[in-house]
Protein backbone atom coordinates (compact mmCIF):
# COMPACT_ATOMS: atom_id res chain seq x y z
CA ALA A 1 168.70 -60.72 -196.83
CA GLU A 2 171.90 -59.43 -195.28
CA GLN A 3 171.27 -61.34 -192.07
CA GLN A 4 170.57 -64.52 -194.03
CA GLN A 5 173.74 -63.96 -196.06
CA GLY A 6 175.74 -63.52 -192.85
CA THR A 7 174.24 -66.68 -191.38
CA TRP A 8 175.09 -68.56 -194.57
CA THR A 9 178.67 -67.26 -194.40
CA VAL A 10 179.04 -68.38 -190.79
CA ARG A 11 177.47 -71.75 -191.55
CA LYS A 12 179.73 -72.15 -194.57
CA ALA A 13 182.80 -71.30 -192.46
CA ILE A 14 181.77 -73.80 -189.76
CA MET A 15 181.14 -76.52 -192.35
CA SER A 16 184.49 -75.91 -194.03
CA ARG A 17 186.24 -75.94 -190.66
CA SER A 18 184.52 -79.15 -189.50
CA ALA A 19 185.16 -80.73 -192.91
CA ARG A 20 188.83 -79.82 -192.61
CA VAL A 21 189.00 -81.40 -189.15
CA LEU A 22 187.27 -84.53 -190.45
CA MET A 23 189.72 -84.73 -193.35
CA GLU A 24 192.66 -84.42 -190.94
CA GLY A 25 191.11 -87.12 -188.77
CA TRP A 26 190.69 -89.43 -191.78
CA VAL A 27 194.33 -88.80 -192.74
CA ARG A 28 195.64 -89.38 -189.22
CA VAL A 29 193.58 -92.46 -188.30
CA PRO A 30 194.80 -94.69 -191.19
CA GLY A 31 198.37 -93.59 -190.40
CA ASP A 32 197.91 -94.74 -186.80
CA CYS A 33 196.23 -98.00 -187.84
CA PHE A 34 198.91 -99.11 -190.26
């Protein structure tokens, strides 16, 4: 259970990080287009 919890934490951190990068990309791209 602990190992699964740790894996979930890592996965959650990676998802949040990638989501943050995607959000920054979405914010930057329209700024460059306009």
